Amino acid sequence: MSTIQKMRYSMTEKIISKPVILKLANLMLVLFLPLILYGQDTRETVAILDFEGRGISQLEAQTLTDRFRTALAGAGVLRLVERQMMEEVLQEQGFQQTGCTSDECAVEVGQLLGVQNMIGGAIGKVGNTFTIDMRMFSVQTGENIRTKNVSYGGAVDGLITEIEILAFQISGLEATDELLEIRKTGIVAAGSAVKPKTRFGAMMRSMIIPGGGQFYSERKRWGYTWLLSEIAIGGGIAFFGTEYQTAFDEYNSTIDLYTNETDVDMIEEYKDQAQMHHENMDNAATMAETLAYAAAGVWAANVVHALITGPKTGGKTSAKELPIRLAYDPGSGATMMKLSIPLRR
């Protein structure tokens, strides 16, 4: 075998056999990229104080607070401290939430929980009219970020719809058409009896098209984020694929020149050029492979995100929801994945 043939063979082997360390690094990227993405949650943190009952029982006020908390978490705009975590932290600090109605008390609770914002309010009754007043304010400055109120005349159970609408509005979102229809008619319109959205449906759509499950769940910002991320990475793969092909063609052309050249100086120059083109091929192939692993990691994170967050809860959702969701943990200051399994006898 001639020298140039040996060089050509060794270069080909180098392209096909990537270093084991690189393979392991790419594998780690796929495994940990979803965790890295979730760790970069930039949503503002918020905790909810039990609404004060004025003219209704405190039990009813607490039940409506729980419904508000569920709807707010489903909206997905804010990172919410769940009631259980909130009570655990306050108990550790020897603090009782009951009777905490003043601004100073609410700010103190927010500081203990380490959240950016607090939401508090009151549900009252004047004659036959119910009123709901709530506000979200900054723990650091005490200034109101958003205030909402509504008056409602009807049975007390109608407050459930009003509290769910307010959860969307306090998050800066528009309430769903179905909630507005229920408010208007008191019942779910017959024409709106569509198949309920599920987390499984969101997951399947994101498996087909990145961001598809988020669009299905009415989380357009996340949908565009995942879709554009995959498009950008795909563009990078295409770019480095083109770079590889260009370097490959130049490499083969230089090899042909090298093979047919008789001048010693030119042979040495073509040899250097061939090695340079080979390095360009190797670099382009490495970058394309790394981006391919990154694309797989983003795709996996997109699917997991669609499954965990699911459709916004303002609309009708399936009763067969998976008991997995994200919640803000004030102890660690991070978003945690929670699994709830009901125990039956």
Protein backbone atom coordinates (compact mmCIF):
# COMPACT_ATOMS: atom_id res chain seq x y z
CA MET A 1 0.00 0.00 0.00
CA SER A 2 1.41 3.41 -0.99
CA THR A 3 1.94 6.26 1.48
CA ILE A 4 -0.95 8.28 0.11
CA GLN A 5 -3.25 5.26 0.23
CA LYS A 6 -2.31 4.69 3.86
CA MET A 7 -2.98 8.35 4.62
CA ARG A 8 -6.32 8.17 2.85
CA TYR A 9 -7.29 4.98 4.71
CA SER A 10 -6.29 6.37 8.12
CA MET A 11 -8.24 9.59 7.50
CA THR A 12 -11.35 7.64 6.56
CA GLU A 13 -11.04 5.56 9.71
CA LYS A 14 -10.72 8.73 11.78
CA ILE A 15 -13.95 10.11 10.36
CA ILE A 16 -15.91 6.91 10.97
CA SER A 17 -14.58 6.18 14.48
CA LYS A 18 -15.30 9.12 16.77
CA PRO A 19 -13.58 9.24 20.17
CA VAL A 20 -15.38 7.42 22.96
CA ILE A 21 -15.21 10.51 25.18
CA LEU A 22 -17.16 12.52 22.61
CA LYS A 23 -19.82 9.82 22.46
CA LEU A 24 -20.19 9.88 26.24
CA ALA A 25 -20.35 13.67 26.29
CA ASN A 26 -23.13 13.67 23.71
CA LEU A 27 -25.01 10.99 25.66
CA MET A 28 -24.76 13.09 28.84
CA LEU A 29 -26.09 16.07 26.89
CA VAL A 30 -29.19 14.14 25.88
CA LEU A 31 -29.81 12.87 29.41
CA PHE A 32 -29.32 16.14 31.25
CA LEU A 33 -30.52 18.77 28.78
CA PRO A 34 -34.17 18.44 29.90
CA LEU A 35 -33.11 18.97 33.52
CA ILE A 36 -31.00 21.97 32.56
CA LEU A 37 -33.93 23.51 30.69
CA TYR A 38 -36.31 23.02 33.59
CA GLY A 39 -33.76 24.42 36.00
CA GLN A 40 -33.83 27.67 34.03
CA ASP A 41 -37.48 28.38 34.87
CA THR A 42 -37.77 32.17 34.74
CA ARG A 43 -41.41 32.47 35.80
CA GLU A 44 -42.08 34.62 38.85
CA THR A 45 -42.81 32.78 42.09
CA VAL A 46 -46.02 33.37 44.00
CA ALA A 47 -47.81 32.13 47.10
CA ILE A 48 -51.54 32.45 47.87
CA LEU A 49 -52.98 33.31 51.25
CA ASP A 50 -56.38 31.86 52.10
CA PHE A 51 -59.06 34.34 51.11
CA GLU A 52 -60.85 36.03 53.96
CA GLY A 53 -64.54 35.09 54.25
CA ARG A 54 -66.95 37.97 54.90
CA GLY A 55 -70.53 36.84 54.88
CA ILE A 56 -69.61 33.30 53.89
CA SER A 57 -68.10 30.58 56.05
CA GLN A 58 -64.33 30.27 56.29
CA LEU A 59 -64.67 26.71 55.02
CA GLU A 60 -66.31 27.98 51.83
CA ALA A 61 -63.64 30.67 51.51
CA GLN A 62 -60.89 28.05 51.87
CA THR A 63 -62.55 25.79 49.30
CA LEU A 64 -62.72 28.66 46.82
CA THR A 65 -59.08 29.48 47.58
CA ASP A 66 -58.14 25.91 46.70
CA ARG A 67 -60.05 26.13 43.43
CA PHE A 68 -58.33 29.44 42.67
CA ARG A 69 -54.94 27.88 43.45
CA THR A 70 -55.63 24.96 41.08
CA ALA A 71 -56.74 27.26 38.26
CA LEU A 72 -53.73 29.54 38.74
CA ALA A 73 -51.32 26.60 38.58
CA GLY A 74 -53.05 25.37 35.44
CA ALA A 75 -52.63 28.74 33.75
CA GLY A 76 -48.88 28.09 33.88
CA VAL A 77 -47.74 31.72 33.94
CA LEU A 78 -46.55 31.78 37.58
CA ARG A 79 -44.62 29.30 39.71
CA LEU A 80 -46.88 28.52 42.61
CA VAL A 81 -46.01 27.36 46.12
CA GLU A 82 -48.47 24.60 46.95
CA ARG A 83 -50.49 24.73 50.15
CA GLN A 84 -48.74 21.76 51.75
CA MET A 85 -45.25 23.11 51.09
CA MET A 86 -46.36 26.54 52.26
CA GLU A 87 -47.74 25.20 55.55
CA GLU A 88 -44.62 23.11 56.17
CA VAL A 89 -42.33 26.12 55.81
CA LEU A 90 -44.52 28.32 57.98
CA GLN A 91 -44.77 25.66 60.68
CA GLU A 92 -41.00 25.30 60.74
CA GLN A 93 -40.79 29.04 61.36
CA GLY A 94 -43.52 28.91 64.02
CA PHE A 95 -45.84 31.08 61.90
CA GLN A 96 -49.59 30.62 61.52
CA GLN A 97 -51.32 31.63 58.27
CA THR A 98 -54.72 31.82 59.96
CA GLY A 99 -55.69 35.41 60.62
CA CYS A 100 -52.98 36.83 58.37
CA THR A 101 -54.95 39.61 56.67
CA SER A 102 -52.74 42.71 56.96
CA ASP A 103 -50.24 43.80 54.33
CA GLU A 104 -47.37 43.54 56.80
CA CYS A 105 -48.29 39.97 57.66
CA ALA A 106 -48.59 38.98 53.99
CA VAL A 107 -45.17 40.47 53.23
CA GLU A 108 -43.66 38.59 56.18
CA VAL A 109 -45.15 35.32 54.90
CA GLY A 110 -43.76 36.02 51.43
CA GLN A 111 -40.30 36.66 52.86
CA LEU A 112 -40.38 33.41 54.84
CA LEU A 113 -41.38 31.51 51.69
CA GLY A 114 -38.79 33.27 49.55
CA VAL A 115 -41.29 34.14 46.81
CA GLN A 116 -41.37 37.24 44.66
CA ASN A 117 -45.11 37.90 44.82
CA MET A 118 -48.09 37.21 47.07
CA ILE A 119 -51.79 36.95 46.27
CA GLY A 120 -54.44 37.69 48.85
CA GLY A 121 -58.07 38.68 48.86
CA ALA A 122 -61.49 38.50 50.40
CA ILE A 123 -64.84 37.03 49.45
CA GLY A 124 -67.79 38.90 50.88
CA LYS A 125 -71.55 39.08 50.67
CA VAL A 126 -73.72 42.21 50.70
CA GLY A 127 -77.42 41.41 50.57
CA ASN A 128 -77.78 38.90 47.75
CA THR A 129 -74.60 39.93 46.00
CA PHE A 130 -71.22 38.26 46.42
CA THR A 131 -68.01 40.21 45.93
CA ILE A 132 -64.49 38.96 45.29
CA ASP A 133 -61.54 41.30 45.69
CA MET A 134 -57.96 40.14 45.20
CA ARG A 135 -54.57 41.54 44.44
CA MET A 136 -51.10 40.35 43.57
CA PHE A 137 -48.31 42.45 45.05
CA SER A 138 -44.52 42.43 45.23
CA VAL A 139 -42.99 41.06 48.41
CA GLN A 140 -39.95 43.28 47.96
CA THR A 141 -41.69 46.60 47.38
CA GLY A 142 -45.22 45.96 48.63
CA GLU A 143 -46.61 47.57 45.48
CA ASN A 144 -49.64 46.14 43.72
CA ILE A 145 -48.80 44.32 40.51
CA ARG A 146 -52.36 43.50 39.52
CA THR A 147 -55.75 43.91 41.23
CA LYS A 148 -59.03 42.27 40.23
CA ASN A 149 -62.55 42.33 41.58
CA VAL A 150 -65.94 41.02 40.56
CA SER A 151 -69.52 41.17 41.83
CA TYR A 152 -71.81 38.19 41.41
CA GLY A 153 -75.49 37.68 42.12
CA GLY A 154 -76.60 34.08 42.36
CA ALA A 155 -76.04 30.83 44.23
CA VAL A 156 -72.80 30.52 46.16
CA ASP A 157 -71.58 27.65 43.95
CA GLY A 158 -71.49 30.08 41.03
CA LEU A 159 -68.46 31.63 42.69
CA ILE A 160 -66.44 28.64 41.48
CA THR A 161 -66.62 29.89 37.89
CA GLU A 162 -65.87 33.46 38.94
CA ILE A 163 -62.81 32.42 40.94
CA GLU A 164 -61.45 30.39 38.01
CA ILE A 165 -61.89 33.36 35.67
CA LEU A 166 -60.07 35.59 38.14
CA ALA A 167 -57.18 33.11 38.28
CA PHE A 168 -56.58 33.63 34.56
CA GLN A 169 -57.01 37.39 34.80
CA ILE A 170 -54.65 37.83 37.77
CA SER A 171 -52.09 35.87 35.70
CA GLY A 172 -52.48 38.40 32.88
CA LEU A 173 -54.40 35.99 30.62
CA GLU A 174 -57.84 36.02 29.07
CA ALA A 175 -60.32 33.53 30.48
CA THR A 176 -61.22 30.62 28.22
CA ASP A 177 -64.32 30.79 26.04
CA GLU A 178 -65.85 27.87 27.92
CA LEU A 179 -65.53 29.62 31.29
CA LEU A 180 -67.09 32.78 29.87
CA GLU A 181 -69.91 30.68 28.41
CA ILE A 182 -70.52 29.03 31.77
CA ARG A 183 -70.60 32.44 33.43
CA LYS A 184 -73.14 33.63 30.88
CA THR A 185 -75.49 30.65 30.86
CA GLY A 186 -74.71 28.86 34.10
CA ILE A 187 -74.24 25.57 32.20
CA VAL A 188 -71.88 24.17 29.62
CA ALA A 189 -73.28 24.94 26.18
CA ALA A 190 -74.36 21.89 24.22
CA GLY A 191 -72.41 23.05 21.20
CA SER A 192 -69.21 23.14 23.22
CA ALA A 193 -69.27 19.47 24.17
CA VAL A 194 -65.94 18.75 22.57
CA LYS A 195 -63.60 15.97 23.47
CA PRO A 196 -61.71 17.01 26.61
CA LYS A 197 -58.03 17.85 26.30
CA THR A 198 -55.61 15.58 28.10
CA ARG A 199 -51.95 15.55 29.02
CA PHE A 200 -51.53 12.38 27.00
CA GLY A 201 -52.93 14.19 23.96
CA ALA A 202 -50.46 17.04 24.52
CA MET A 203 -47.57 14.59 24.84
CA MET A 204 -48.45 12.75 21.63
CA ARG A 205 -48.64 15.99 19.66
CA SER A 206 -45.25 17.11 20.95
CA MET A 207 -43.78 13.75 19.93
CA ILE A 208 -44.86 14.42 16.35
CA ILE A 209 -44.08 18.16 16.15
CA PRO A 210 -42.00 19.95 18.83
CA GLY A 211 -44.26 22.49 20.49
CA GLY A 212 -47.40 20.86 19.10
CA GLY A 213 -48.56 19.74 22.53
CA GLN A 214 -48.00 23.21 23.95
CA PHE A 215 -50.09 24.80 21.19
CA TYR A 216 -52.76 22.16 21.89
CA SER A 217 -52.63 23.13 25.58
CA GLU A 218 -52.92 26.84 24.73
CA ARG A 219 -49.37 27.57 25.86
CA LYS A 220 -48.29 29.36 22.72
CA ARG A 221 -45.16 30.94 24.17
CA TRP A 222 -43.77 27.53 25.11
CA GLY A 223 -44.93 26.13 21.78
CA TYR A 224 -42.97 28.71 19.81
CA THR A 225 -39.96 28.21 22.13
CA TRP A 226 -39.72 24.47 21.47
CA LEU A 227 -40.53 24.73 17.77
CA LEU A 228 -38.06 27.53 17.05
CA SER A 229 -35.38 25.80 19.12
CA GLU A 230 -35.66 22.67 16.99
CA ILE A 231 -35.70 24.74 13.79
CA ALA A 232 -32.57 26.61 14.90
CA ILE A 233 -30.74 23.39 15.77
CA GLY A 234 -31.89 21.83 12.50
CA GLY A 235 -30.48 24.83 10.67
CA GLY A 236 -27.17 24.33 12.46
CA ILE A 237 -27.11 20.65 11.46
CA ALA A 238 -27.80 21.60 7.83
CA PHE A 239 -25.06 24.26 7.93
CA PHE A 240 -22.39 21.91 9.27
CA GLY A 241 -23.59 19.19 6.91
CA THR A 242 -22.90 21.57 4.03
CA GLU A 243 -19.53 22.43 5.54
CA TYR A 244 -18.69 18.75 5.76
CA GLN A 245 -19.67 18.12 2.13
CA THR A 246 -17.61 21.10 0.95
CA ALA A 247 -14.56 19.94 2.90
CA PHE A 248 -15.10 16.38 1.64
CA ASP A 249 -15.14 17.50 -2.01
CA GLU A 250 -12.06 19.66 -1.50
CA TYR A 251 -10.32 16.79 0.26
CA ASN A 252 -10.96 14.38 -2.65
CA SER A 253 -9.86 16.99 -5.20
CA THR A 254 -6.64 17.59 -3.27
CA ILE A 255 -6.02 13.84 -3.01
CA ASP A 256 -6.35 13.53 -6.80
CA LEU A 257 -3.88 16.37 -7.29
CA TYR A 258 -1.53 14.80 -4.76
CA THR A 259 -1.68 11.43 -6.50
CA ASN A 260 -0.91 12.82 -9.92
CA GLU A 261 1.72 15.37 -8.83
CA THR A 262 5.45 14.69 -9.47
CA ASP A 263 6.95 17.87 -8.01
CA VAL A 264 8.19 17.23 -4.46
CA ASP A 265 7.30 20.70 -3.14
CA MET A 266 3.80 20.55 -4.61
CA ILE A 267 3.31 17.06 -3.20
CA GLU A 268 4.10 18.39 0.29
CA GLU A 269 1.76 21.35 -0.19
CA TYR A 270 -1.10 19.11 -1.36
CA LYS A 271 -0.48 16.86 1.62
CA ASP A 272 -0.86 19.80 4.02
CA GLN A 273 -4.00 20.94 2.21
CA ALA A 274 -5.48 17.43 2.39
CA GLN A 275 -4.84 17.28 6.12
CA MET A 276 -6.43 20.70 6.57
CA HIS A 277 -9.52 19.67 4.61
CA HIS A 278 -9.68 16.47 6.63
CA GLU A 279 -9.63 18.45 9.87
CA ASN A 280 -12.44 20.63 8.54
CA MET A 281 -14.42 17.50 7.71
CA ASP A 282 -13.84 16.12 11.18
CA ASN A 283 -14.84 19.37 12.89
CA ALA A 284 -17.97 19.74 10.79
CA ALA A 285 -18.97 16.11 11.42
CA THR A 286 -18.41 16.54 15.16
CA MET A 287 -20.51 19.71 15.32
CA ALA A 288 -23.31 18.15 13.26
CA GLU A 289 -23.33 15.08 15.51
CA THR A 290 -23.36 17.21 18.69
CA LEU A 291 -26.26 19.28 17.37
CA ALA A 292 -28.11 16.07 16.46
CA TYR A 293 -27.82 14.95 20.08
CA ALA A 294 -28.91 18.40 21.21
CA ALA A 295 -31.96 18.18 18.93
CA ALA A 296 -32.83 14.83 20.52
CA GLY A 297 -32.47 16.35 23.98
CA VAL A 298 -34.69 19.33 23.15
CA TRP A 299 -37.26 17.00 21.59
CA ALA A 300 -37.29 14.84 24.75
CA ALA A 301 -37.59 17.90 27.00
CA ASN A 302 -40.43 19.22 24.85
CA VAL A 303 -42.33 15.93 25.21
CA VAL A 304 -41.81 15.80 28.99
CA HIS A 305 -42.86 19.45 29.33
CA ALA A 306 -46.05 18.85 27.36
CA LEU A 307 -46.88 15.84 29.55
CA ILE A 308 -46.23 17.55 32.89
CA THR A 309 -47.84 20.93 32.24
CA GLY A 310 -50.78 19.64 30.19
CA PRO A 311 -53.75 21.69 28.99
CA LYS A 312 -54.74 24.77 30.93
CA THR A 313 -57.36 23.88 33.48
CA GLY A 314 -59.78 26.66 32.65
CA GLY A 315 -61.34 24.46 29.98
CA LYS A 316 -62.72 20.98 30.26
CA THR A 317 -60.08 18.34 30.87
CA SER A 318 -60.18 14.61 31.10
CA ALA A 319 -60.77 12.95 34.43
CA LYS A 320 -57.96 10.53 33.58
CA GLU A 321 -55.23 13.09 34.12
CA LEU A 322 -51.78 11.89 35.09
CA PRO A 323 -50.97 12.85 38.70
CA ILE A 324 -47.73 14.61 37.71
CA ARG A 325 -47.21 18.35 37.88
CA LEU A 326 -44.64 21.05 38.56
CA ALA A 327 -44.62 23.06 41.79
CA TYR A 328 -42.29 25.63 43.31
CA ASP A 329 -40.45 24.41 46.41
CA PRO A 330 -39.58 27.36 48.69
CA GLY A 331 -37.08 25.23 50.59
CA SER A 332 -34.81 24.58 47.61
CA GLY A 333 -35.91 27.59 45.55
CA ALA A 334 -36.44 25.36 42.53
CA THR A 335 -39.30 23.96 40.49
CA MET A 336 -40.05 20.41 41.61
CA MET A 337 -41.87 17.56 39.87
CA LYS A 338 -44.68 16.26 42.08
CA LEU A 339 -46.38 12.89 41.85
CA SER A 340 -49.70 12.45 43.65
CA ILE A 341 -51.17 8.96 44.02
CA PRO A 342 -54.54 8.57 45.75
CA LEU A 343 -54.67 5.68 48.23
CA ARG A 344 -57.86 3.65 48.19
CA ARG A 345 -58.93 0.95 50.58
